[in-house]
């Protein structure tokens, strides 16, 4: 059996050498199309990309351009491949499995896919080709891991930064998550290596994370002392740089997650795009608005609602949907901001994530005439009270089924209550595995990166 496999493999390699070296009439021409590269064109004429480069005297085979005319063999002179041996009952099927040839001299990748959890179409620059070994990837400022999925023909060993691939054939390159790492130029290189015996090819991927310092600088820190509750509430405020008091502006009210309690105030901007994305759009002339994002300071058992008491196991029997003083003070801060600026009362919106998702539901339910729309992310709304929003407040909710921090059960109960009340709503539910790093709780990253959601929000009006 072994001798038959060796013989079949030798036939493939011999045929490849014949096709790469035979004398050919260079009478044909090929017009380069957008997205072409030599390794895609060459197989059409049964030659290697190296032969095609030599035929056209290309000093840099990585650079070809749309509409460029390449010399190619006259198709009528191209030698035909010998037919594959017929399969007999005594032949093992492994002989016929070789559907993709690999170079006898070089170990290369056949593909290299890249993704982050923003779901915005992260891509390599330039597009992947086996003979291009240097790439750049740009990601937004709240990305902390990039997934690489390199592939090659059987027999080639692939590693990333010296590490084996996971069971699904991928490797996650971890990016800096430290507080000090925000608002700075940051990049990291990942090296993908393809090895076949003594043959080895390295591919370098330069991952560059956006430096959003200019966006953070659009916000002004402030402090609000609430007379109703006695709470002192720090906050970040964005007002368009071209603010005109003669115009009326929508307001986006943002409630942060549990991790930002008692952190530096600007972490409500840096950890995720729940506040900054609206300012980015606004400065670009898209959905101009005012953004206010308050912060809870103490961390022990405090939250926008009593969900944190249950989560931190301070009071397991607490009602997770009941508003705490911080949420009351936050709503009063919103009223204060509205009194200071020219605001469109018909376009007041609220959004929040995790603990802030609970706060978003609770604040809207407590004030159903206030918000034209809300976007709660990985939170939960009181099933007994959410019907208060019917015909008053539009809802688009987000959650991941495998969220390890806020059980998806909360969203299931919320949706069941929305259905029971015959309410219109929108829901984006991420399947298990969609949010792959740092974990599935981070569904806010694709939620706020969703342009359709942001467009929808500003279409809502009282």
Protein backbone atom coordinates (compact mmCIF):
# COMPACT_ATOMS: atom_id res chain seq x y z
CA UNK A 1 0.00 0.00 0.00
CA UNK A 2 2.85 2.38 0.91
CA UNK A 3 4.54 1.91 -2.48
CA UNK A 4 1.32 2.86 -4.30
CA UNK A 5 1.06 6.12 -2.32
CA UNK A 6 4.65 7.08 -3.07
CA UNK A 7 4.19 6.33 -6.75
CA UNK A 8 1.04 8.47 -7.00
CA UNK A 9 2.69 11.38 -5.20
CA UNK A 10 5.75 11.16 -7.46
CA UNK A 11 3.49 11.34 -10.49
CA UNK A 12 1.97 14.61 -9.26
CA UNK A 13 5.36 16.19 -8.58
CA UNK A 14 6.82 15.01 -11.88
CA UNK A 15 3.87 16.42 -13.78
CA UNK A 16 4.27 19.74 -11.95
CA UNK A 17 7.93 19.93 -12.98
CA UNK A 18 7.10 19.19 -16.60
CA UNK A 19 4.47 21.90 -16.68
CA UNK A 20 6.82 24.43 -15.11
CA UNK A 21 9.76 23.84 -17.45
CA UNK A 22 8.38 22.78 -20.81
CA UNK A 23 9.08 25.00 -23.82
CA UNK A 24 6.02 27.16 -24.49
CA UNK A 25 4.83 29.64 -27.09
CA UNK A 26 4.20 32.93 -25.30
CA UNK A 27 1.52 33.95 -27.77
CA UNK A 28 -1.29 34.39 -25.25
CA UNK A 29 -2.26 37.51 -23.33
CA UNK A 30 -4.13 37.93 -20.06
CA UNK A 31 -5.76 41.15 -18.83
CA UNK A 32 -5.36 41.52 -15.07
CA UNK A 33 -8.66 41.81 -13.17
CA UNK A 34 -9.29 43.50 -9.83
CA UNK A 35 -8.26 41.11 -7.03
CA UNK A 36 -5.90 39.08 -9.24
CA UNK A 37 -2.47 37.93 -8.14
CA UNK A 38 0.05 35.70 -9.91
CA UNK A 39 -0.73 32.60 -7.89
CA UNK A 40 -4.38 32.81 -8.98
CA UNK A 41 -3.60 33.44 -12.66
CA UNK A 42 -0.84 30.87 -13.15
CA UNK A 43 -2.96 27.72 -12.67
CA UNK A 44 -5.19 28.79 -15.57
CA UNK A 45 -2.21 28.05 -17.83
CA UNK A 46 -0.80 25.09 -15.84
CA UNK A 47 2.32 26.98 -14.79
CA UNK A 48 3.71 28.24 -11.51
CA UNK A 49 3.48 31.86 -10.43
CA UNK A 50 7.31 32.00 -10.52
CA UNK A 51 7.27 30.99 -14.19
CA UNK A 52 4.63 33.61 -14.93
CA UNK A 53 6.76 36.26 -13.20
CA UNK A 54 9.81 35.24 -15.24
CA UNK A 55 7.85 35.31 -18.49
CA UNK A 56 6.87 38.93 -17.83
CA UNK A 57 10.20 40.01 -16.31
CA UNK A 58 8.41 41.28 -13.18
CA UNK A 59 10.93 42.74 -10.76
CA UNK A 60 8.31 42.64 -8.00
CA UNK A 61 5.84 39.78 -8.54
CA UNK A 62 3.64 41.14 -5.73
CA UNK A 63 2.77 44.23 -7.78
CA UNK A 64 0.37 43.81 -10.67
CA UNK A 65 -2.43 46.17 -11.57
CA UNK A 66 -5.96 45.97 -13.00
CA UNK A 67 -5.97 46.13 -16.83
CA UNK A 68 -2.26 45.25 -16.99
CA UNK A 69 -1.53 42.87 -19.92
CA UNK A 70 0.53 39.79 -19.04
CA UNK A 71 2.23 37.40 -21.45
CA UNK A 72 0.93 33.88 -20.93
CA UNK A 73 1.42 30.58 -22.76
CA UNK A 74 -0.62 29.87 -25.84
CA UNK A 75 -3.19 27.61 -24.29
CA UNK A 76 -2.97 25.22 -27.25
CA UNK A 77 0.70 24.48 -26.47
CA UNK A 78 0.24 23.79 -22.77
CA UNK A 79 1.00 20.13 -22.02
CA UNK A 80 -1.96 18.22 -20.62
CA UNK A 81 -1.74 16.56 -17.24
CA UNK A 82 -1.61 12.79 -17.25
CA UNK A 83 -4.86 11.22 -16.12
CA UNK A 84 -4.97 10.14 -12.51
CA UNK A 85 -4.69 6.38 -12.02
CA UNK A 86 -8.02 4.62 -11.88
CA UNK A 87 -9.12 3.59 -8.47
CA UNK A 88 -9.23 -0.18 -7.98
CA UNK A 89 -10.68 -2.19 -5.16
CA UNK A 90 -7.19 -2.78 -3.80
CA UNK A 91 -6.18 0.91 -3.82
CA UNK A 92 -6.53 2.89 -0.62
CA UNK A 93 -8.57 6.11 -1.07
CA UNK A 94 -5.71 8.16 0.36
CA UNK A 95 -4.08 8.07 -3.09
CA UNK A 96 -6.97 10.07 -4.51
CA UNK A 97 -7.21 12.61 -1.66
CA UNK A 98 -4.47 14.85 -3.02
CA UNK A 99 -6.63 17.53 -4.65
CA UNK A 100 -4.32 20.45 -3.93
CA UNK A 101 -0.66 20.42 -4.91
CA UNK A 102 1.94 21.91 -2.68
CA UNK A 103 5.26 23.26 -3.87
CA UNK A 104 8.11 20.79 -3.82
CA UNK A 105 10.40 23.58 -2.61
CA UNK A 106 8.42 25.99 -0.40
CA UNK A 107 6.00 25.65 2.52
CA UNK A 108 3.32 28.33 2.17
CA UNK A 109 -0.17 29.10 3.47
CA UNK A 110 -3.17 28.57 1.23
CA UNK A 111 -5.34 31.09 3.13
CA UNK A 112 -5.25 33.41 6.11
CA UNK A 113 -8.51 34.63 7.61
CA UNK A 114 -8.67 37.34 10.27
CA UNK A 115 -11.47 38.53 12.56
CA UNK A 116 -12.22 40.54 15.67
CA UNK A 117 -15.52 40.69 17.51
CA UNK A 118 -16.61 44.05 16.06
CA UNK A 119 -18.12 42.19 13.07
CA UNK A 120 -17.22 45.10 10.82
CA UNK A 121 -15.29 43.10 8.22
CA UNK A 122 -11.76 43.26 9.59
CA UNK A 123 -9.36 42.51 6.75
CA UNK A 124 -5.73 42.13 5.77
CA UNK A 125 -3.99 44.85 3.78
CA UNK A 126 -3.06 43.84 1.13
CA UNK A 127 -5.41 40.94 0.48
CA UNK A 128 -3.88 37.54 1.17
CA UNK A 129 -1.70 35.76 -1.38
CA UNK A 130 0.65 32.87 -0.52
CA UNK A 131 3.68 34.74 -1.82
CA UNK A 132 3.00 37.97 0.13
CA UNK A 133 4.48 37.72 3.61
CA UNK A 134 3.86 41.13 5.18
CA UNK A 135 0.38 42.43 6.17
CA UNK A 136 -1.31 45.15 8.19
CA UNK A 137 -4.57 44.92 10.13
CA UNK A 138 -6.33 47.96 11.62
CA UNK A 139 -8.82 47.50 14.46
CA UNK A 140 -10.95 49.91 16.48
CA UNK A 141 -9.93 51.14 19.92
CA UNK A 142 -12.01 48.68 22.00
CA UNK A 143 -10.60 45.48 20.46
CA UNK A 144 -8.52 43.26 22.77
CA UNK A 145 -8.01 40.16 20.67
CA UNK A 146 -7.64 39.33 16.97
CA UNK A 147 -8.33 35.81 15.68
CA UNK A 148 -6.06 34.42 12.96
CA UNK A 149 -7.10 31.31 11.03
CA UNK A 150 -4.24 30.22 8.74
CA UNK A 151 -4.57 27.17 6.50
CA UNK A 152 -2.21 25.13 4.33
CA UNK A 153 -2.21 21.81 2.49
CA UNK A 154 -1.80 18.63 4.46
CA UNK A 155 1.67 18.05 5.80
CA UNK A 156 2.56 21.68 6.44
CA UNK A 157 2.83 22.62 10.11
CA UNK A 158 1.46 26.05 11.09
CA UNK A 159 2.34 28.00 14.24
CA UNK A 160 1.60 31.55 15.40
CA UNK A 161 4.28 33.21 17.52
CA UNK A 162 5.65 29.72 18.13
CA UNK A 163 2.30 28.38 19.39
CA UNK A 164 0.14 25.62 17.97
CA UNK A 165 -3.32 26.44 16.63
CA UNK A 166 -6.42 25.64 18.68
CA UNK A 167 -8.69 22.73 17.80
CA UNK A 168 -10.69 24.88 15.37
CA UNK A 169 -7.50 25.88 13.54
CA UNK A 170 -7.32 29.42 14.91
CA UNK A 171 -5.09 31.46 17.20
CA UNK A 172 -6.07 34.60 19.14
CA UNK A 173 -3.49 37.36 19.35
CA UNK A 174 -4.11 39.16 22.64
CA UNK A 175 -3.90 42.96 22.70
CA UNK A 176 -3.12 45.17 25.69
CA UNK A 177 -6.06 45.74 28.08
CA UNK A 178 -4.30 47.80 30.74
CA UNK A 179 -5.66 51.19 31.78
CA UNK A 180 -2.36 52.74 30.71
CA UNK A 181 -2.72 51.29 27.21
CA UNK A 182 -5.65 53.47 26.15
CA UNK A 183 -5.40 56.64 24.10
CA UNK A 184 -1.94 55.79 22.84
CA UNK A 185 -0.38 54.45 19.66
CA UNK A 186 -0.41 50.69 20.04
CA UNK A 187 0.54 47.86 17.72
CA UNK A 188 1.66 44.28 17.97
CA UNK A 189 3.17 41.89 15.42
CA UNK A 190 2.12 38.29 15.03
CA UNK A 191 4.29 35.85 13.09
CA UNK A 192 2.61 32.95 11.31
CA UNK A 193 5.06 30.25 10.26
CA UNK A 194 4.46 27.49 7.71
CA UNK A 195 6.96 24.64 7.96
CA UNK A 196 7.49 21.52 5.86
CA UNK A 197 10.69 19.73 6.76
CA UNK A 198 13.53 22.16 6.04
CA UNK A 199 11.26 24.52 4.09
CA UNK A 200 9.83 27.43 6.05
CA UNK A 201 7.90 30.63 5.28
CA UNK A 202 7.08 33.36 7.79
CA UNK A 203 4.15 35.76 7.46
CA UNK A 204 4.14 38.89 9.63
CA UNK A 205 0.83 40.52 10.56
CA UNK A 206 1.11 44.06 11.95
CA UNK A 207 -1.98 44.65 14.13
CA UNK A 208 -2.59 48.35 14.74
CA UNK A 209 -5.21 49.45 17.25
CA UNK A 210 -6.85 52.83 16.78
CA UNK A 211 -5.57 55.62 19.01
CA UNK A 212 -8.83 57.33 20.01
CA UNK A 213 -7.21 60.07 22.13
CA UNK A 214 -8.72 62.77 19.90
CA UNK A 215 -12.20 61.34 20.51
CA UNK A 216 -11.69 61.14 24.28
CA UNK A 217 -10.61 64.79 24.20
CA UNK A 218 -14.02 65.79 22.83
CA UNK A 219 -15.52 65.03 26.25
CA UNK A 220 -15.42 67.32 29.28
CA UNK A 221 -15.44 65.84 32.81
CA UNK A 222 -17.90 67.23 35.33
CA UNK A 223 -19.44 66.53 38.72
CA UNK A 224 -23.11 66.69 39.66
CA UNK A 225 -24.47 66.80 43.21
CA UNK A 226 -28.00 65.43 43.27
CA UNK A 227 -30.34 67.15 45.72
CA UNK A 228 -32.87 64.31 45.70
CA UNK A 229 -30.52 61.51 46.72
CA UNK A 230 -27.46 63.33 48.03
CA UNK A 231 -25.31 61.39 45.55
CA UNK A 232 -22.30 63.09 43.97
CA UNK A 233 -22.06 61.87 40.39
CA UNK A 234 -19.02 62.37 38.16
CA UNK A 235 -19.78 62.41 34.44
CA UNK A 236 -18.32 62.90 30.96
CA UNK A 237 -20.10 65.28 28.59
CA UNK A 238 -19.78 65.68 24.84
CA UNK A 239 -21.20 68.71 23.06
CA UNK A 240 -20.56 69.08 19.30
CA UNK A 241 -17.59 71.33 18.56
CA UNK A 242 -19.81 73.28 16.16
CA UNK A 243 -22.64 73.58 18.71
CA UNK A 244 -25.23 76.15 17.65
CA UNK A 245 -27.80 77.22 20.24
CA UNK A 246 -30.20 78.01 17.41
CA UNK A 247 -30.41 74.29 16.63
CA UNK A 248 -32.00 71.54 18.73
CA UNK A 249 -29.87 68.47 19.44
CA UNK A 250 -30.77 64.88 20.31
CA UNK A 251 -29.26 63.57 23.56
CA UNK A 252 -27.74 60.11 24.15
CA UNK A 253 -27.65 59.11 27.83
CA UNK A 254 -25.10 56.33 28.50
CA UNK A 255 -24.88 54.01 31.52
CA UNK A 256 -21.59 52.13 32.00
CA UNK A 257 -20.95 48.56 33.17
CA UNK A 258 -19.86 47.28 36.58
CA UNK A 259 -16.15 47.24 35.76
CA UNK A 260 -15.96 51.02 35.58
CA UNK A 261 -17.16 51.64 39.14
CA UNK A 262 -14.41 53.37 41.06
CA UNK A 263 -12.07 53.45 38.04
CA UNK A 264 -10.70 56.73 36.63
CA UNK A 265 -13.65 58.67 35.20
CA UNK A 266 -12.37 58.59 31.63
CA UNK A 267 -12.63 54.79 31.61
CA UNK A 268 -16.34 55.19 30.82
CA UNK A 269 -15.00 56.43 27.46
CA UNK A 270 -12.00 54.20 26.96
CA UNK A 271 -13.18 50.72 27.87
CA UNK A 272 -15.81 50.59 25.13
CA UNK A 273 -17.50 52.77 22.52
CA UNK A 274 -20.86 53.14 24.31
CA UNK A 275 -20.27 56.91 24.64
CA UNK A 276 -17.53 57.69 22.12
CA UNK A 277 -19.17 56.20 19.03
CA UNK A 278 -21.91 58.84 19.11
CA UNK A 279 -19.34 61.62 19.35
CA UNK A 280 -17.34 60.16 16.46
CA UNK A 281 -20.45 60.11 14.28
CA UNK A 282 -21.51 63.56 15.42
CA UNK A 283 -18.15 65.14 14.61
CA UNK A 284 -18.38 63.54 11.16
CA UNK A 285 -21.72 65.29 10.64
CA UNK A 286 -23.71 62.08 11.18
CA UNK A 287 -26.46 62.24 13.80
CA UNK A 288 -25.17 65.33 15.61
CA UNK A 289 -26.02 65.02 19.29
CA UNK A 290 -25.08 65.66 22.92
CA UNK A 291 -23.75 62.71 24.93
CA UNK A 292 -23.75 62.42 28.73
CA UNK A 293 -22.19 59.46 30.54
CA UNK A 294 -22.30 59.46 34.38
CA UNK A 295 -20.18 57.22 36.60
CA UNK A 296 -20.89 55.27 39.79
CA UNK A 297 -17.93 55.71 42.13
CA UNK A 298 -18.07 53.12 44.95
CA UNK A 299 -17.90 49.53 43.77
CA UNK A 300 -19.21 47.48 46.70
CA UNK A 301 -22.73 46.33 46.00
CA UNK A 302 -23.69 49.52 44.18
CA UNK A 303 -25.19 49.68 40.71
CA UNK A 304 -27.78 51.43 38.61
CA UNK A 305 -30.18 48.76 39.86
CA UNK A 306 -30.00 46.12 42.57
CA UNK A 307 -28.77 43.60 40.01
CA UNK A 308 -25.27 44.23 41.33
CA UNK A 309 -26.38 43.28 44.85
CA UNK A 310 -27.44 39.88 43.53
CA UNK A 311 -24.42 39.57 41.25
CA UNK A 312 -21.93 40.47 43.99
CA UNK A 313 -23.88 38.13 46.31
CA UNK A 314 -24.44 40.95 48.83
CA UNK A 315 -28.20 40.31 48.83
CA UNK A 316 -29.25 37.33 46.74
CA UNK A 317 -32.94 38.02 47.27
CA UNK A 318 -32.78 41.65 46.04
CA UNK A 319 -34.92 42.69 43.08
CA UNK A 320 -32.36 42.98 40.23
CA UNK A 321 -34.61 45.45 38.37
CA UNK A 322 -35.10 47.95 41.21
CA UNK A 323 -33.41 51.33 40.66
CA UNK A 324 -30.77 52.51 43.12
CA UNK A 325 -29.91 56.10 44.03
CA UNK A 326 -27.20 56.25 41.38
CA UNK A 327 -29.76 55.73 38.62
CA UNK A 328 -32.10 58.30 40.16
CA UNK A 329 -29.23 60.82 40.32
CA UNK A 330 -28.22 59.96 36.76
CA UNK A 331 -31.70 60.72 35.46
CA UNK A 332 -31.69 64.03 37.35
CA UNK A 333 -28.29 64.84 35.82
CA UNK A 334 -29.80 64.24 32.39
CA UNK A 335 -32.50 66.82 33.19
CA UNK A 336 -29.82 69.28 34.28
CA UNK A 337 -27.90 68.85 31.02
CA UNK A 338 -31.11 69.29 29.02
CA UNK A 339 -31.75 72.59 30.80
CA UNK A 340 -28.31 73.92 29.87
CA UNK A 341 -28.35 73.19 26.14
CA UNK A 342 -30.69 73.43 23.18
CA UNK A 343 -32.21 69.96 23.15
CA UNK A 344 -34.73 68.15 20.94
CA UNK A 345 -37.13 66.77 23.56
CA UNK A 346 -38.51 64.33 20.99
CA UNK A 347 -35.12 62.66 20.52
CA UNK A 348 -33.82 61.65 23.93
CA UNK A 349 -32.17 58.21 23.90
CA UNK A 350 -30.67 55.87 26.50
CA UNK A 351 -28.22 53.01 26.19
CA UNK A 352 -26.11 50.96 28.55
CA UNK A 353 -24.27 47.68 28.87
CA UNK A 354 -24.28 44.87 31.42
CA UNK A 355 -25.10 46.61 34.72
CA UNK A 356 -25.87 49.63 32.53
CA UNK A 357 -28.22 47.49 30.45
CA UNK A 358 -30.31 46.86 33.55
CA UNK A 359 -30.12 50.58 34.34
CA UNK A 360 -31.28 51.50 30.86
CA UNK A 361 -34.40 49.34 31.11
CA UNK A 362 -35.16 50.51 34.66
CA UNK A 363 -34.71 54.22 33.93
CA UNK A 364 -36.91 54.03 30.83
CA UNK A 365 -39.61 52.07 32.66
CA UNK A 366 -39.57 54.63 35.49
CA UNK A 367 -39.87 57.48 32.97
CA UNK A 368 -41.73 56.03 29.96
CA UNK A 369 -42.46 59.46 28.48
CA UNK A 370 -38.79 60.51 28.46
CA UNK A 371 -37.02 58.35 25.88
CA UNK A 372 -37.85 57.93 22.21
CA UNK A 373 -35.73 54.76 22.12
CA UNK A 374 -33.37 52.67 24.22
CA UNK A 375 -30.55 50.25 23.36
CA UNK A 376 -29.86 47.91 26.31
CA UNK A 377 -26.91 45.55 25.84
CA UNK A 378 -26.55 42.29 27.81
CA UNK A 379 -28.98 43.45 30.50
CA UNK A 380 -32.50 42.64 31.62
CA UNK A 381 -35.80 44.48 31.91
CA UNK A 382 -38.42 43.86 34.57
CA UNK A 383 -40.90 41.45 32.92
CA UNK A 384 -43.66 42.71 35.22
CA UNK A 385 -43.21 46.37 34.25
CA UNK A 386 -41.73 46.60 30.76
CA UNK A 387 -45.17 46.99 29.16
CA UNK A 388 -45.01 50.61 30.42
CA UNK A 389 -42.89 51.33 27.32
CA UNK A 390 -45.56 50.15 24.87
CA UNK A 391 -46.27 52.72 22.15
CA UNK A 392 -43.88 55.14 23.88
CA UNK A 393 -40.29 53.89 23.74
CA UNK A 394 -38.71 51.86 20.92
CA UNK A 395 -36.38 49.03 21.99
CA UNK A 396 -33.42 47.36 20.28
CA UNK A 397 -31.72 44.90 22.61
CA UNK A 398 -28.46 42.94 22.25
CA UNK A 399 -27.13 39.86 24.06
CA UNK A 400 -24.96 36.77 23.48
CA UNK A 401 -26.40 33.35 24.24
CA UNK A 402 -23.20 32.20 25.96
CA UNK A 403 -22.68 35.34 28.09
CA UNK A 404 -20.81 34.12 31.21
CA UNK A 405 -21.51 37.23 33.33
CA UNK A 406 -25.16 38.18 32.69
CA UNK A 407 -27.10 34.99 31.94
CA UNK A 408 -29.00 35.06 28.64
CA UNK A 409 -32.02 34.05 30.70
CA UNK A 410 -32.54 37.73 31.54
CA UNK A 411 -33.00 38.60 27.87
CA UNK A 412 -35.22 35.57 27.30
CA UNK A 413 -37.54 36.77 30.07
CA UNK A 414 -37.46 40.31 28.70
CA UNK A 415 -38.35 39.17 25.19
CA UNK A 416 -41.15 36.96 26.52
CA UNK A 417 -42.60 39.98 28.32
CA UNK A 418 -42.30 42.16 25.21
CA UNK A 419 -44.09 39.49 23.20
CA UNK A 420 -46.79 39.06 25.83
CA UNK A 421 -47.43 42.82 25.77
CA UNK A 422 -47.59 42.74 21.96
CA UNK A 423 -44.82 45.33 21.75
CA UNK A 424 -42.68 46.10 18.72
CA UNK A 425 -38.96 45.65 19.39
CA UNK A 426 -35.73 44.66 17.71
CA UNK A 427 -33.32 42.07 19.07
CA UNK A 428 -29.82 41.06 18.00
CA UNK A 429 -28.81 37.77 19.59
CA UNK A 430 -25.27 36.48 19.10
CA UNK A 431 -24.86 32.72 18.87
CA UNK A 432 -22.41 30.85 21.05
CA UNK A 433 -18.90 31.49 19.80
CA UNK A 434 -19.69 34.73 17.95
CA UNK A 435 -18.12 36.80 20.75
CA UNK A 436 -14.83 34.95 21.11
CA UNK A 437 -12.54 37.26 23.10
CA UNK A 438 -12.11 38.25 25.88
CA UNK A 439 -15.40 36.40 26.44
CA UNK A 440 -19.01 36.36 25.29
CA UNK A 441 -20.00 39.10 27.75
CA UNK A 442 -18.36 41.63 25.43
CA UNK A 443 -21.37 41.78 23.10
CA UNK A 444 -21.29 45.58 23.44
CA UNK A 445 -18.36 45.72 20.99
CA UNK A 446 -20.35 44.56 17.93
CA UNK A 447 -23.51 46.25 19.26
CA UNK A 448 -22.04 49.76 19.19
CA UNK A 449 -20.10 49.04 16.00
CA UNK A 450 -23.44 48.31 14.30
CA UNK A 451 -24.13 51.27 11.98
CA UNK A 452 -27.65 50.06 11.28
CA UNK A 453 -28.47 50.28 14.98
CA UNK A 454 -27.08 53.80 15.25
CA UNK A 455 -29.02 54.94 12.20
CA UNK A 456 -32.20 53.33 13.56
CA UNK A 457 -31.81 55.04 16.95
CA UNK A 458 -31.79 58.55 15.48
CA UNK A 459 -34.78 57.71 13.31
CA UNK A 460 -36.86 57.24 16.47
CA UNK A 461 -38.83 60.24 17.73
CA UNK A 462 -41.59 60.93 20.23
